[in-house]
Amino acid sequence: MAYAIRLYEHGGPEVLRWERVDVGLPRPGELLVRQMAAGVNFMDISQRKGRSPIPIELPGGLGNEAAGVVETVGDGVTDFAVGDRIAYAGGGAGAYAELRLVPARIAIKLPNDVGCRQAAAMMLKGMTAQVLVKQIAKSKAGDTVLFHAASSGVGVIACQWLKHLGVNVIGTVGSDEKASAALANGCDHVIVYTREDIEARVFEITKGAKVPVVFDSLGAATFSKSLTCIQPRGLAILYGQASGPVGPMDLGVLQANGSLFVTRPSLSAYTSNRADLLAAAHDLFEVVASGAVKVTISGAYRLQDVRHAHRDVEERRTIGSTVLEIG
């Protein structure tokens, strides 16, 4: 028996319960993992509320990334052994747990220089950043891009990565404190959207040229503004909906703003193939090992204090990554 966070209904942080669960033994193709740390993401909050495009079955667990040590290996698994340190992102909610059965196909061995706490803080967010920056936007030196929520977990990693590639980054944040963090983590310019006009500032910064790419994880509050900040034939990457989902839209708006392109990506779509998953993870490990990207953990909470963690993330009190310490 082990403890895990369970929920039986959608709602606020109060629906999260700390309970004993019977995990069982791994089935063929699975690993039993003693978890050391789990990451907290806005996806978790959306799933808790019942507003995520990736719903969870109730009753069920929560959490989409974690790291730990393999305790038992299921039949047919040849790439992992007892004692291996691994991390994973995705595979279904349930990462907020002391012990967990994890499909071996999504597990990634950790390099010696990456600790479990650091891994839990960066796997989902870091591989998302890799997909956004390297695979979708394919940003290059000299480009100028707009990145909403630049002080978020994904934002802190992605903006550093973009800067490493020679990209000029305009970040948006909600406070002066977060503006300072964004400037320290790759942004060349920061727009405090609570008191500045995003479109006017982008026009000013780019001298009217606008940007070829906008990275938008906020959704409802920013998406229409994002479209007006993009150059003709540019790209809007809507990869989240922290402020609410973007409703139905007239595709003529894309034509009116200069024949724009829009994508709504998911990490799973880019890493469902094992080779693609390993490539994204190894690219992330390399850029972190080089020092070009530093993983910021602004909040660390005990697993049983998950309600507090969710409140802080949901109310935008955190900068960078938030983790639950388990082991």
Protein backbone atom coordinates (compact mmCIF):
# COMPACT_ATOMS: atom_id res chain seq x y z
CA MET A 1 0.00 0.00 0.00
CA ALA A 2 1.10 3.57 -0.68
CA TYR A 3 -0.36 7.05 -0.54
CA ALA A 4 -1.63 8.93 -3.58
CA ILE A 5 -3.76 11.95 -4.38
CA ARG A 6 -7.22 10.95 -5.57
CA LEU A 7 -10.27 12.86 -6.70
CA TYR A 8 -13.86 11.74 -6.98
CA GLU A 9 -15.37 14.88 -8.45
CA HIS A 10 -14.28 17.98 -10.33
CA GLY A 11 -13.87 21.24 -8.48
CA GLY A 12 -11.46 23.38 -6.51
CA PRO A 13 -8.33 22.23 -4.66
CA GLU A 14 -10.53 20.92 -1.84
CA VAL A 15 -11.57 17.91 -3.98
CA LEU A 16 -8.00 16.52 -3.83
CA ARG A 17 -7.76 13.69 -1.31
CA TRP A 18 -4.70 12.08 0.32
CA GLU A 19 -5.48 8.35 0.44
CA ARG A 20 -3.89 4.93 0.70
CA VAL A 21 -4.07 2.93 -2.53
CA ASP A 22 -3.18 -0.60 -3.57
CA VAL A 23 -0.84 -0.24 -6.52
CA GLY A 24 -0.21 -3.90 -7.33
CA LEU A 25 2.53 -5.47 -9.43
CA PRO A 26 3.52 -4.37 -12.92
CA ARG A 27 1.87 -6.05 -15.86
CA PRO A 28 3.83 -6.91 -19.01
CA GLY A 29 5.44 -3.75 -20.41
CA GLU A 30 5.16 -1.82 -17.14
CA LEU A 31 7.46 -0.56 -14.39
CA LEU A 32 6.65 -0.17 -10.71
CA VAL A 33 8.26 3.15 -9.78
CA ARG A 34 8.98 4.54 -6.31
CA GLN A 35 8.41 8.21 -7.08
CA MET A 36 10.66 10.91 -5.67
CA ALA A 37 8.99 14.04 -7.08
CA ALA A 38 6.13 15.07 -9.35
CA GLY A 39 5.58 18.23 -11.36
CA VAL A 40 2.53 20.47 -11.07
CA ASN A 41 1.17 21.92 -14.31
CA PHE A 42 -1.78 23.99 -15.48
CA MET A 43 -3.00 20.88 -17.26
CA ASP A 44 -3.46 19.28 -13.84
CA ILE A 45 -5.59 22.21 -12.72
CA SER A 46 -7.70 22.06 -15.89
CA GLN A 47 -8.19 18.32 -15.39
CA ARG A 48 -9.11 18.84 -11.73
CA LYS A 49 -11.75 21.36 -12.78
CA GLY A 50 -13.03 19.16 -15.61
CA ARG A 51 -12.10 21.76 -18.23
CA SER A 52 -9.17 20.04 -19.94
CA PRO A 53 -9.33 18.85 -23.56
CA ILE A 54 -7.66 15.73 -22.12
CA PRO A 55 -10.26 14.59 -19.55
CA ILE A 56 -9.60 12.18 -16.71
CA GLU A 57 -11.80 9.33 -15.55
CA LEU A 58 -13.29 9.63 -12.08
CA PRO A 59 -12.52 8.42 -9.53
CA GLY A 60 -8.90 8.75 -10.47
CA GLY A 61 -5.50 10.28 -9.91
CA LEU A 62 -3.92 13.50 -11.05
CA GLY A 63 -0.50 14.63 -12.28
CA ASN A 64 1.26 14.19 -15.62
CA GLU A 65 5.01 14.12 -14.92
CA ALA A 66 7.23 12.60 -12.25
CA ALA A 67 10.59 11.01 -11.57
CA GLY A 68 11.69 8.16 -9.35
CA VAL A 69 13.41 4.79 -9.05
CA VAL A 70 12.36 1.50 -10.63
CA GLU A 71 11.34 -1.06 -7.98
CA THR A 72 9.97 -3.88 -10.14
CA VAL A 73 10.14 -4.62 -13.86
CA GLY A 74 7.23 -6.23 -15.70
CA ASP A 75 7.56 -9.08 -18.17
CA GLY A 76 8.88 -8.15 -21.56
CA VAL A 77 10.69 -5.01 -20.42
CA THR A 78 14.34 -5.13 -21.47
CA ASP A 79 15.45 -1.48 -21.43
CA PHE A 80 15.14 -0.95 -17.66
CA ALA A 81 16.35 -2.65 -14.49
CA VAL A 82 15.57 -2.40 -10.80
CA GLY A 83 17.33 0.67 -9.38
CA ASP A 84 17.26 2.72 -12.58
CA ARG A 85 16.34 6.37 -12.10
CA ILE A 86 13.64 7.35 -14.58
CA ALA A 87 11.31 10.20 -15.44
CA TYR A 88 8.26 10.46 -17.61
CA ALA A 89 5.67 12.88 -18.93
CA GLY A 90 2.18 11.89 -20.03
CA GLY A 91 0.80 8.38 -20.09
CA GLY A 92 -2.38 9.38 -18.29
CA ALA A 93 -2.99 11.26 -15.07
CA GLY A 94 -1.80 9.75 -11.79
CA ALA A 95 1.69 11.08 -11.10
CA TYR A 96 0.76 12.48 -7.67
CA ALA A 97 1.59 9.20 -5.91
CA GLU A 98 4.31 7.50 -3.85
CA LEU A 99 4.23 4.37 -6.01
CA ARG A 100 2.99 4.14 -9.57
CA LEU A 101 2.79 1.69 -12.44
CA VAL A 102 4.33 3.38 -15.48
CA PRO A 103 4.34 2.10 -19.08
CA ALA A 104 7.97 1.42 -19.97
CA ARG A 105 7.42 2.98 -23.38
CA ILE A 106 7.13 6.48 -21.83
CA ALA A 107 9.92 6.14 -19.26
CA ILE A 108 13.26 7.85 -19.85
CA LYS A 109 16.49 7.01 -18.01
CA LEU A 110 17.96 10.03 -16.27
CA PRO A 111 21.55 11.11 -16.90
CA ASN A 112 23.77 11.06 -13.82
CA ASP A 113 23.79 14.86 -13.63
CA VAL A 114 19.98 15.21 -13.53
CA GLY A 115 18.32 14.66 -10.16
CA CYS A 116 14.76 13.39 -9.70
CA ARG A 117 13.54 16.73 -8.36
CA GLN A 118 14.98 18.59 -11.35
CA ALA A 119 13.59 16.00 -13.76
CA ALA A 120 10.10 16.26 -12.29
CA ALA A 121 10.31 20.01 -12.77
CA MET A 122 11.24 19.87 -16.43
CA MET A 123 10.09 16.74 -18.29
CA LEU A 124 6.61 17.83 -19.40
CA LYS A 125 7.48 21.51 -19.54
CA GLY A 126 10.91 21.02 -21.10
CA MET A 127 9.83 18.60 -23.80
CA THR A 128 6.88 20.88 -24.55
CA ALA A 129 9.38 23.72 -24.97
CA GLN A 130 11.51 21.53 -27.26
CA VAL A 131 8.52 20.74 -29.46
CA LEU A 132 7.40 24.38 -29.59
CA VAL A 133 10.78 25.93 -30.27
CA LYS A 134 12.65 23.31 -32.28
CA GLN A 135 9.94 21.36 -34.10
CA ILE A 136 7.00 23.72 -34.66
CA ALA A 137 8.31 27.28 -34.73
CA LYS A 138 11.79 26.34 -35.97
CA SER A 139 12.88 29.76 -34.80
CA LYS A 140 16.24 30.99 -36.03
CA ALA A 141 18.78 33.60 -35.01
CA GLY A 142 17.55 37.12 -35.69
CA ASP A 143 13.84 36.30 -35.45
CA THR A 144 11.66 38.20 -32.98
CA VAL A 145 8.85 36.22 -31.32
CA LEU A 146 6.10 36.89 -28.79
CA PHE A 147 5.81 34.48 -25.85
CA HIS A 148 2.82 34.79 -23.53
CA ALA A 149 3.21 33.74 -19.88
CA ALA A 150 6.97 34.05 -20.13
CA SER A 151 7.47 33.36 -16.42
CA SER A 152 5.51 30.09 -16.47
CA GLY A 153 7.18 26.70 -16.25
CA VAL A 154 7.20 26.24 -20.01
CA GLY A 155 7.91 29.92 -20.58
CA VAL A 156 11.05 30.07 -18.43
CA ILE A 157 12.55 27.09 -20.25
CA ALA A 158 11.41 28.06 -23.76
CA CYS A 159 12.50 31.69 -23.53
CA GLN A 160 15.99 30.67 -22.40
CA TRP A 161 16.13 28.15 -25.24
CA LEU A 162 15.02 30.75 -27.79
CA LYS A 163 17.65 33.18 -26.51
CA HIS A 164 20.29 30.43 -26.81
CA LEU A 165 19.30 30.10 -30.48
CA GLY A 166 19.78 33.84 -31.06
CA VAL A 167 16.08 34.74 -31.11
CA ASN A 168 14.82 38.09 -29.81
CA VAL A 169 12.06 37.34 -27.31
CA ILE A 170 9.17 39.58 -26.31
CA GLY A 171 7.52 38.07 -23.24
CA THR A 172 4.23 38.89 -21.57
CA VAL A 173 3.68 38.56 -17.81
CA GLY A 174 1.13 39.68 -15.22
CA SER A 175 3.29 41.58 -12.72
CA ASP A 176 6.52 43.53 -12.30
CA GLU A 177 7.99 40.70 -10.22
CA LYS A 178 7.38 38.29 -13.06
CA ALA A 179 8.78 40.83 -15.51
CA SER A 180 12.10 40.74 -13.67
CA ALA A 181 12.09 36.93 -13.79
CA ALA A 182 11.31 36.94 -17.51
CA LEU A 183 14.16 39.34 -18.25
CA ALA A 184 16.50 37.08 -16.27
CA ASN A 185 15.37 34.06 -18.27
CA GLY A 186 15.82 34.98 -21.91
CA CYS A 187 13.38 37.79 -22.67
CA ASP A 188 14.74 40.91 -24.36
CA HIS A 189 11.53 42.86 -23.80
CA VAL A 190 8.67 42.29 -21.36
CA ILE A 191 5.07 43.48 -21.57
CA VAL A 192 3.12 43.57 -18.30
CA TYR A 193 -0.27 42.82 -19.82
CA THR A 194 -2.20 43.96 -16.74
CA ARG A 195 -1.24 47.57 -17.44
CA GLU A 196 0.18 47.67 -20.99
CA ASP A 197 -1.43 47.23 -24.39
CA ILE A 198 0.07 44.09 -25.92
CA GLU A 199 -0.57 44.98 -29.56
CA ALA A 200 0.70 48.55 -29.21
CA ARG A 201 3.87 47.42 -27.42
CA VAL A 202 4.63 44.71 -29.99
CA PHE A 203 4.14 47.25 -32.78
CA GLU A 204 6.46 49.65 -30.97
CA ILE A 205 9.18 47.08 -30.20
CA THR A 206 9.22 45.67 -33.73
CA LYS A 207 8.91 49.11 -35.36
CA GLY A 208 5.72 47.98 -37.06
CA ALA A 209 7.10 44.73 -38.42
CA LYS A 210 5.22 42.50 -35.92
CA VAL A 211 6.42 38.94 -35.24
CA PRO A 212 6.50 35.72 -37.29
CA VAL A 213 5.43 33.51 -34.37
CA VAL A 214 3.35 33.87 -31.21
CA PHE A 215 3.44 31.22 -28.48
CA ASP A 216 0.13 31.37 -26.58
CA SER A 217 -0.68 29.19 -23.56
CA LEU A 218 -3.33 31.50 -22.11
CA GLY A 219 -6.07 31.06 -24.66
CA ALA A 220 -9.26 33.09 -24.27
CA ALA A 221 -7.67 36.21 -22.73
CA THR A 222 -4.96 36.66 -25.36
CA PHE A 223 -5.63 34.71 -28.55
CA SER A 224 -7.41 37.44 -30.55
CA LYS A 225 -4.63 39.86 -29.57
CA SER A 226 -2.04 37.29 -30.60
CA LEU A 227 -3.40 37.22 -34.14
CA THR A 228 -3.03 40.98 -34.54
CA CYS A 229 0.63 40.79 -33.51
CA ILE A 230 1.66 38.36 -36.27
CA GLN A 231 3.27 39.17 -39.62
CA PRO A 232 1.53 38.06 -42.83
CA ARG A 233 1.82 34.28 -43.30
CA GLY A 234 3.00 33.99 -39.69
CA LEU A 235 2.11 31.33 -37.13
CA ALA A 236 0.04 31.32 -33.93
CA ILE A 237 0.89 28.38 -31.66
CA LEU A 238 -1.94 27.88 -29.18
CA TYR A 239 -0.57 25.28 -26.77
CA GLY A 240 -2.67 25.93 -23.67
CA GLN A 241 -5.79 27.56 -22.26
CA ALA A 242 -4.90 28.77 -18.77
CA SER A 243 -7.40 31.65 -19.04
CA GLY A 244 -10.08 29.51 -20.69
CA PRO A 245 -10.63 27.84 -24.07
CA VAL A 246 -10.72 29.77 -27.33
CA GLY A 247 -14.25 29.57 -28.67
CA PRO A 248 -15.33 28.94 -32.24
CA MET A 249 -13.81 31.45 -34.63
CA ASP A 250 -14.40 32.71 -38.14
CA LEU A 251 -11.47 31.46 -40.20
CA GLY A 252 -11.78 34.62 -42.25
CA VAL A 253 -9.99 36.34 -39.36
CA LEU A 254 -6.84 34.47 -40.39
CA GLN A 255 -7.15 35.80 -43.92
CA ALA A 256 -7.88 39.32 -42.72
CA ASN A 257 -4.74 39.34 -40.57
CA GLY A 258 -2.46 38.29 -43.42
CA SER A 259 -3.15 34.63 -44.30
CA LEU A 260 -2.05 33.36 -40.91
CA PHE A 261 -1.46 29.79 -39.79
CA VAL A 262 -2.68 28.36 -36.46
CA THR A 263 -1.74 25.13 -34.72
CA ARG A 264 -3.08 23.57 -31.50
CA PRO A 265 -0.34 21.04 -30.63
CA SER A 266 -0.06 18.45 -27.89
CA LEU A 267 3.14 16.92 -26.58
CA SER A 268 1.77 13.42 -27.08
CA ALA A 269 1.27 13.98 -30.80
CA TYR A 270 4.97 14.78 -31.19
CA THR A 271 6.33 12.07 -28.87
CA SER A 272 4.03 9.07 -29.39
CA ASN A 273 6.85 7.37 -31.29
CA ARG A 274 9.54 6.09 -28.91
CA ALA A 275 12.37 7.43 -31.07
CA ASP A 276 10.78 10.89 -31.18
CA LEU A 277 10.28 10.83 -27.39
CA LEU A 278 13.93 9.97 -26.75
CA ALA A 279 15.14 12.58 -29.23
CA ALA A 280 13.11 15.33 -27.53
CA ALA A 281 14.25 14.25 -24.06
CA HIS A 282 17.91 14.01 -25.02
CA ASP A 283 17.77 17.43 -26.69
CA LEU A 284 16.36 18.80 -23.43
CA PHE A 285 19.02 17.07 -21.31
CA GLU A 286 21.78 18.44 -23.54
CA VAL A 287 20.64 22.06 -23.46
CA VAL A 288 20.26 21.89 -19.66
CA ALA A 289 23.65 20.21 -19.24
CA SER A 290 25.25 22.94 -21.35
CA GLY A 291 23.98 25.60 -18.94
CA ALA A 292 22.08 27.40 -21.69
CA VAL A 293 18.78 26.52 -20.00
CA LYS A 294 18.39 26.52 -16.23
CA VAL A 295 15.37 24.92 -14.61
CA THR A 296 13.82 27.23 -12.01
CA ILE A 297 11.87 25.62 -9.17
CA SER A 298 9.98 28.38 -7.41
CA GLY A 299 7.72 26.18 -5.32
CA ALA A 300 8.30 22.80 -3.62
CA TYR A 301 5.54 21.21 -1.55
CA ARG A 302 4.99 17.89 0.17
CA LEU A 303 2.69 15.55 -1.72
CA GLN A 304 0.08 15.82 1.01
CA ASP A 305 0.14 19.62 0.63
CA VAL A 306 -1.00 19.42 -2.98
CA ARG A 307 -4.01 21.66 -2.32
CA HIS A 308 -1.68 24.50 -1.34
CA ALA A 309 0.42 23.91 -4.45
CA HIS A 310 -2.63 24.01 -6.70
CA ARG A 311 -3.87 27.25 -5.17
CA ASP A 312 -0.52 28.95 -5.67
CA VAL A 313 -0.20 27.82 -9.29
CA GLU A 314 -3.81 28.62 -10.13
CA GLU A 315 -3.56 32.10 -8.60
CA ARG A 316 -0.35 32.83 -10.56
CA ARG A 317 1.83 33.11 -7.45
CA THR A 318 4.60 30.94 -8.89
CA ILE A 319 7.46 31.57 -11.32
CA GLY A 320 8.97 28.69 -13.25
CA SER A 321 8.31 25.11 -12.16
CA THR A 322 6.41 23.78 -9.17
CA VAL A 323 7.08 20.32 -7.73
CA LEU A 324 5.64 17.96 -5.16
CA GLU A 325 8.37 16.28 -3.10
CA ILE A 326 7.54 12.65 -2.43
CA GLY A 327 10.59 10.55 -1.60
